[in-house]
Amino acid sequence: MTHPIEWSAYLTQMEHISDIELTEDRRAEVLVQLTRIARMAQPLMDYPLDDRIEVAGVYRL
């Protein structure tokens, strides 16, 4: 089961970690973009994968 991402809380954390402060207008626009990207990615995230399939490759030098 997945839980919805709280984009506003995520953005607040990223501002703190990155030591930046967004204006309210910029913050609102970033939230719009994060939500848009999440909606675009959702069909891929919903695609069922067989449990035997590796979800990420392992690269070695």
PDB file of N, CA and C in Angstrom:
ATOM      1  N   MET A   1       0.837  -1.182   0.000  1.00  0.00           N
ATOM      2  CA  MET A   1       0.000   0.000   0.000  1.00  0.00           C
ATOM      3  C   MET A   1       0.880   1.243   0.000  1.00  0.00           C
ATOM      4  N   THR A   2       0.578   2.180  -0.880  1.00  0.00           N
ATOM      5  CA  THR A   2       1.339   3.421  -0.923  1.00  0.00           C
ATOM      6  C   THR A   2       0.524   4.540  -0.300  1.00  0.00           C
ATOM      7  N   HIS A   3       1.218   5.479   0.244  1.00  0.00           N
ATOM      8  CA  HIS A   3       0.579   6.625   0.873  1.00  0.00           C
ATOM      9  C   HIS A   3       0.833   7.844  -0.008  1.00  0.00           C
ATOM     10  N   PRO A   4      -0.145   8.732  -0.106  1.00  0.00           N
ATOM     11  CA  PRO A   4       0.077   9.931  -0.927  1.00  0.00           C
ATOM     12  C   PRO A   4       1.211  10.777  -0.351  1.00  0.00           C
ATOM     13  N   ILE A   5       1.962  11.364  -1.237  1.00  0.00           N
ATOM     14  CA  ILE A   5       3.076  12.212  -0.814  1.00  0.00           C
ATOM     15  C   ILE A   5       2.543  13.595  -0.459  1.00  0.00           C
ATOM     16  N   GLU A   6       2.967  14.100   0.672  1.00  0.00           N
ATOM     17  CA  GLU A   6       2.619  15.452   1.096  1.00  0.00           C
ATOM     18  C   GLU A   6       3.655  16.397   0.486  1.00  0.00           C
ATOM     19  N   TRP A   7       3.356  16.902  -0.707  1.00  0.00           N
ATOM     20  CA  TRP A   7       4.331  17.703  -1.441  1.00  0.00           C
ATOM     21  C   TRP A   7       4.727  18.975  -0.701  1.00  0.00           C
ATOM     22  N   SER A   8       3.809  19.582   0.008  1.00  0.00           N
ATOM     23  CA  SER A   8       4.135  20.800   0.741  1.00  0.00           C
ATOM     24  C   SER A   8       5.164  20.508   1.835  1.00  0.00           C
ATOM     25  N   ALA A   9       4.962  19.427   2.570  1.00  0.00           N
ATOM     26  CA  ALA A   9       5.918  19.037   3.615  1.00  0.00           C
ATOM     27  C   ALA A   9       7.260  18.661   2.996  1.00  0.00           C
ATOM     28  N   TYR A  10       7.225  17.948   1.864  1.00  0.00           N
ATOM     29  CA  TYR A  10       8.457  17.579   1.162  1.00  0.00           C
ATOM     30  C   TYR A  10       9.227  18.837   0.762  1.00  0.00           C
ATOM     31  N   LEU A  11       8.513  19.800   0.186  1.00  0.00           N
ATOM     32  CA  LEU A  11       9.168  21.028  -0.252  1.00  0.00           C
ATOM     33  C   LEU A  11       9.771  21.790   0.931  1.00  0.00           C
ATOM     34  N   THR A  12       9.060  21.830   2.041  1.00  0.00           N
ATOM     35  CA  THR A  12       9.585  22.486   3.241  1.00  0.00           C
ATOM     36  C   THR A  12      10.886  21.818   3.694  1.00  0.00           C
ATOM     37  N   GLN A  13      10.912  20.493   3.690  1.00  0.00           N
ATOM     38  CA  GLN A  13      12.125  19.767   4.071  1.00  0.00           C
ATOM     39  C   GLN A  13      13.271  20.050   3.103  1.00  0.00           C
ATOM     40  N   MET A  14      12.972  20.077   1.802  1.00  0.00           N
ATOM     41  CA  MET A  14      14.016  20.334   0.811  1.00  0.00           C
ATOM     42  C   MET A  14      14.553  21.756   0.918  1.00  0.00           C
ATOM     43  N   GLU A  15      13.685  22.705   1.245  1.00  0.00           N
ATOM     44  CA  GLU A  15      14.149  24.078   1.475  1.00  0.00           C
ATOM     45  C   GLU A  15      15.137  24.107   2.640  1.00  0.00           C
ATOM     46  N   HIS A  16      14.787  23.399   3.704  1.00  0.00           N
ATOM     47  CA  HIS A  16      15.646  23.372   4.891  1.00  0.00           C
ATOM     48  C   HIS A  16      16.983  22.682   4.582  1.00  0.00           C
ATOM     49  N   ILE A  17      16.915  21.517   3.951  1.00  0.00           N
ATOM     50  CA  ILE A  17      18.137  20.765   3.635  1.00  0.00           C
ATOM     51  C   ILE A  17      19.044  21.551   2.692  1.00  0.00           C
ATOM     52  N   SER A  18      18.427  22.226   1.705  1.00  0.00           N
ATOM     53  CA  SER A  18      19.194  22.961   0.703  1.00  0.00           C
ATOM     54  C   SER A  18      19.570  24.366   1.158  1.00  0.00           C
ATOM     55  N   ASP A  19      19.071  24.755   2.309  1.00  0.00           N
ATOM     56  CA  ASP A  19      19.324  26.090   2.857  1.00  0.00           C
ATOM     57  C   ASP A  19      18.913  27.182   1.866  1.00  0.00           C
ATOM     58  N   ILE A  20      17.685  27.034   1.333  1.00  0.00           N
ATOM     59  CA  ILE A  20      17.122  28.054   0.458  1.00  0.00           C
ATOM     60  C   ILE A  20      15.751  28.444   0.994  1.00  0.00           C
ATOM     61  N   GLU A  21      15.303  29.610   0.598  1.00  0.00           N
ATOM     62  CA  GLU A  21      13.981  30.063   0.996  1.00  0.00           C
ATOM     63  C   GLU A  21      13.252  30.526  -0.256  1.00  0.00           C
ATOM     64  N   LEU A  22      12.097  29.923  -0.508  1.00  0.00           N
ATOM     65  CA  LEU A  22      11.310  30.269  -1.679  1.00  0.00           C
ATOM     66  C   LEU A  22      10.269  31.325  -1.317  1.00  0.00           C
ATOM     67  N   THR A  23       9.997  32.205  -2.268  1.00  0.00           N
ATOM     68  CA  THR A  23       8.887  33.132  -2.080  1.00  0.00           C
ATOM     69  C   THR A  23       7.601  32.316  -2.169  1.00  0.00           C
ATOM     70  N   GLU A  24       6.502  32.883  -1.692  1.00  0.00           N
ATOM     71  CA  GLU A  24       5.227  32.163  -1.751  1.00  0.00           C
ATOM     72  C   GLU A  24       4.817  31.864  -3.185  1.00  0.00           C
ATOM     73  N   ASP A  25       5.068  32.809  -4.108  1.00  0.00           N
ATOM     74  CA  ASP A  25       4.739  32.570  -5.519  1.00  0.00           C
ATOM     75  C   ASP A  25       5.563  31.427  -6.095  1.00  0.00           C
ATOM     76  N   ARG A  26       6.860  31.426  -5.811  1.00  0.00           N
ATOM     77  CA  ARG A  26       7.746  30.384  -6.322  1.00  0.00           C
ATOM     78  C   ARG A  26       7.380  29.040  -5.709  1.00  0.00           C
ATOM     79  N   ARG A  27       7.095  29.041  -4.422  1.00  0.00           N
ATOM     80  CA  ARG A  27       6.707  27.805  -3.726  1.00  0.00           C
ATOM     81  C   ARG A  27       5.434  27.221  -4.341  1.00  0.00           C
ATOM     82  N   ALA A  28       4.466  28.068  -4.626  1.00  0.00           N
ATOM     83  CA  ALA A  28       3.213  27.605  -5.234  1.00  0.00           C
ATOM     84  C   ALA A  28       3.485  26.989  -6.607  1.00  0.00           C
ATOM     85  N   GLU A  29       4.361  27.610  -7.383  1.00  0.00           N
ATOM     86  CA  GLU A  29       4.669  27.081  -8.715  1.00  0.00           C
ATOM     87  C   GLU A  29       5.421  25.752  -8.629  1.00  0.00           C
ATOM     88  N   VAL A  30       6.346  25.635  -7.683  1.00  0.00           N
ATOM     89  CA  VAL A  30       7.067  24.366  -7.513  1.00  0.00           C
ATOM     90  C   VAL A  30       6.094  23.260  -7.109  1.00  0.00           C
ATOM     91  N   LEU A  31       5.147  23.571  -6.241  1.00  0.00           N
ATOM     92  CA  LEU A  31       4.146  22.573  -5.845  1.00  0.00           C
ATOM     93  C   LEU A  31       3.294  22.134  -7.034  1.00  0.00           C
ATOM     94  N   VAL A  32       2.950  23.072  -7.911  1.00  0.00           N
ATOM     95  CA  VAL A  32       2.209  22.719  -9.129  1.00  0.00           C
ATOM     96  C   VAL A  32       3.035  21.750  -9.979  1.00  0.00           C
ATOM     97  N   GLN A  33       4.309  22.064 -10.142  1.00  0.00           N
ATOM     98  CA  GLN A  33       5.168  21.217 -10.979  1.00  0.00           C
ATOM     99  C   GLN A  33       5.377  19.832 -10.353  1.00  0.00           C
ATOM    100  N   LEU A  34       5.598  19.762  -9.049  1.00  0.00           N
ATOM    101  CA  LEU A  34       5.772  18.464  -8.388  1.00  0.00           C
ATOM    102  C   LEU A  34       4.518  17.601  -8.544  1.00  0.00           C
ATOM    103  N   THR A  35       3.370  18.220  -8.372  1.00  0.00           N
ATOM    104  CA  THR A  35       2.109  17.491  -8.528  1.00  0.00           C
ATOM    105  C   THR A  35       1.931  17.009  -9.961  1.00  0.00           C
ATOM    106  N   ARG A  36       2.263  17.847 -10.915  1.00  0.00           N
ATOM    107  CA  ARG A  36       2.161  17.490 -12.335  1.00  0.00           C
ATOM    108  C   ARG A  36       3.090  16.316 -12.671  1.00  0.00           C
ATOM    109  N   ILE A  37       4.321  16.362 -12.197  1.00  0.00           N
ATOM    110  CA  ILE A  37       5.278  15.290 -12.453  1.00  0.00           C
ATOM    111  C   ILE A  37       4.800  13.985 -11.829  1.00  0.00           C
ATOM    112  N   ALA A  38       4.262  14.065 -10.613  1.00  0.00           N
ATOM    113  CA  ALA A  38       3.756  12.864  -9.936  1.00  0.00           C
ATOM    114  C   ALA A  38       2.603  12.234 -10.721  1.00  0.00           C
ATOM    115  N   ARG A  39       1.712  13.078 -11.250  1.00  0.00           N
ATOM    116  CA  ARG A  39       0.595  12.553 -12.056  1.00  0.00           C
ATOM    117  C   ARG A  39       1.105  11.883 -13.325  1.00  0.00           C
ATOM    118  N   MET A  40       2.120  12.454 -13.942  1.00  0.00           N
ATOM    119  CA  MET A  40       2.679  11.873 -15.162  1.00  0.00           C
ATOM    120  C   MET A  40       3.347  10.528 -14.873  1.00  0.00           C
ATOM    121  N   ALA A  41       3.973  10.405 -13.710  1.00  0.00           N
ATOM    122  CA  ALA A  41       4.695   9.188 -13.363  1.00  0.00           C
ATOM    123  C   ALA A  41       3.785   8.077 -12.850  1.00  0.00           C
ATOM    124  N   GLN A  42       2.576   8.412 -12.428  1.00  0.00           N
ATOM    125  CA  GLN A  42       1.701   7.429 -11.781  1.00  0.00           C
ATOM    126  C   GLN A  42       1.422   6.183 -12.623  1.00  0.00           C
ATOM    127  N   PRO A  43       1.143   6.296 -13.934  1.00  0.00           N
ATOM    128  CA  PRO A  43       0.910   5.072 -14.709  1.00  0.00           C
ATOM    129  C   PRO A  43       2.111   4.117 -14.686  1.00  0.00           C
ATOM    130  N   LEU A  44       3.309   4.666 -14.716  1.00  0.00           N
ATOM    131  CA  LEU A  44       4.502   3.823 -14.641  1.00  0.00           C
ATOM    132  C   LEU A  44       4.621   3.181 -13.258  1.00  0.00           C
ATOM    133  N   MET A  45       4.339   3.943 -12.221  1.00  0.00           N
ATOM    134  CA  MET A  45       4.417   3.409 -10.866  1.00  0.00           C
ATOM    135  C   MET A  45       3.371   2.327 -10.626  1.00  0.00           C
ATOM    136  N   ASP A  46       2.242   2.417 -11.328  1.00  0.00           N
ATOM    137  CA  ASP A  46       1.156   1.442 -11.174  1.00  0.00           C
ATOM    138  C   ASP A  46       1.373   0.167 -11.977  1.00  0.00           C
ATOM    139  N   TYR A  47       2.334   0.174 -12.897  1.00  0.00           N
ATOM    140  CA  TYR A  47       2.551  -0.980 -13.760  1.00  0.00           C
ATOM    141  C   TYR A  47       2.993  -2.181 -12.918  1.00  0.00           C
ATOM    142  N   PRO A  48       2.279  -3.288 -13.021  1.00  0.00           N
ATOM    143  CA  PRO A  48       2.625  -4.451 -12.197  1.00  0.00           C
ATOM    144  C   PRO A  48       3.910  -5.132 -12.696  1.00  0.00           C
ATOM    145  N   LEU A  49       4.773  -5.456 -11.778  1.00  0.00           N
ATOM    146  CA  LEU A  49       6.005  -6.181 -12.094  1.00  0.00           C
ATOM    147  C   LEU A  49       5.967  -7.550 -11.421  1.00  0.00           C
ATOM    148  N   ASP A  50       6.445  -8.525 -12.139  1.00  0.00           N
ATOM    149  CA  ASP A  50       6.571  -9.866 -11.579  1.00  0.00           C
ATOM    150  C   ASP A  50       7.571  -9.818 -10.429  1.00  0.00           C
ATOM    151  N   ASP A  51       7.304 -10.533  -9.353  1.00  0.00           N
ATOM    152  CA  ASP A  51       8.196 -10.520  -8.187  1.00  0.00           C
ATOM    153  C   ASP A  51       9.588 -11.035  -8.516  1.00  0.00           C
ATOM    154  N   ARG A  52       9.726 -11.784  -9.592  1.00  0.00           N
ATOM    155  CA  ARG A  52      11.032 -12.349  -9.942  1.00  0.00           C
ATOM    156  C   ARG A  52      11.883 -11.393 -10.768  1.00  0.00           C
ATOM    157  N   ILE A  53      11.334 -10.253 -11.157  1.00  0.00           N
ATOM    158  CA  ILE A  53      12.063  -9.299 -11.988  1.00  0.00           C
ATOM    159  C   ILE A  53      12.861  -8.353 -11.100  1.00  0.00           C
ATOM    160  N   GLU A  54      14.136  -8.174 -11.464  1.00  0.00           N
ATOM    161  CA  GLU A  54      14.958  -7.195 -10.762  1.00  0.00           C
ATOM    162  C   GLU A  54      14.407  -5.811 -11.071  1.00  0.00           C
ATOM    163  N   VAL A  55      14.195  -4.987 -10.071  1.00  0.00           N
ATOM    164  CA  VAL A  55      13.644  -3.662 -10.300  1.00  0.00           C
ATOM    165  C   VAL A  55      14.702  -2.647 -10.687  1.00  0.00           C
ATOM    166  N   ALA A  56      15.964  -2.960 -10.433  1.00  0.00           N
ATOM    167  CA  ALA A  56      17.039  -2.059 -10.824  1.00  0.00           C
ATOM    168  C   ALA A  56      18.275  -2.880 -11.135  1.00  0.00           C
ATOM    169  N   GLY A  57      18.966  -2.468 -12.155  1.00  0.00           N
ATOM    170  CA  GLY A  57      20.192  -3.170 -12.534  1.00  0.00           C
ATOM    171  C   GLY A  57      21.306  -2.917 -11.536  1.00  0.00           C
ATOM    172  N   VAL A  58      22.232  -3.843 -11.499  1.00  0.00           N
ATOM    173  CA  VAL A  58      23.415  -3.698 -10.657  1.00  0.00           C
ATOM    174  C   VAL A  58      24.594  -3.508 -11.595  1.00  0.00           C
ATOM    175  N   TYR A  59      25.268  -2.378 -11.463  1.00  0.00           N
ATOM    176  CA  TYR A  59      26.385  -2.074 -12.351  1.00  0.00           C
ATOM    177  C   TYR A  59      27.684  -2.200 -11.570  1.00  0.00           C
ATOM    178  N   ARG A  60      28.607  -2.872 -12.181  1.00  0.00           N
ATOM    179  CA  ARG A  60      29.922  -3.060 -11.545  1.00  0.00           C
ATOM    180  C   ARG A  60      30.993  -2.644 -12.524  1.00  0.00           C
ATOM    181  N   LEU A  61      32.055  -2.072 -11.991  1.00  0.00           N
ATOM    182  CA  LEU A  61      33.200  -1.684 -12.832  1.00  0.00           C
ATOM    183  C   LEU A  61      34.183  -2.814 -12.931  1.00  0.00           C
TER     184      LEU A  61
END
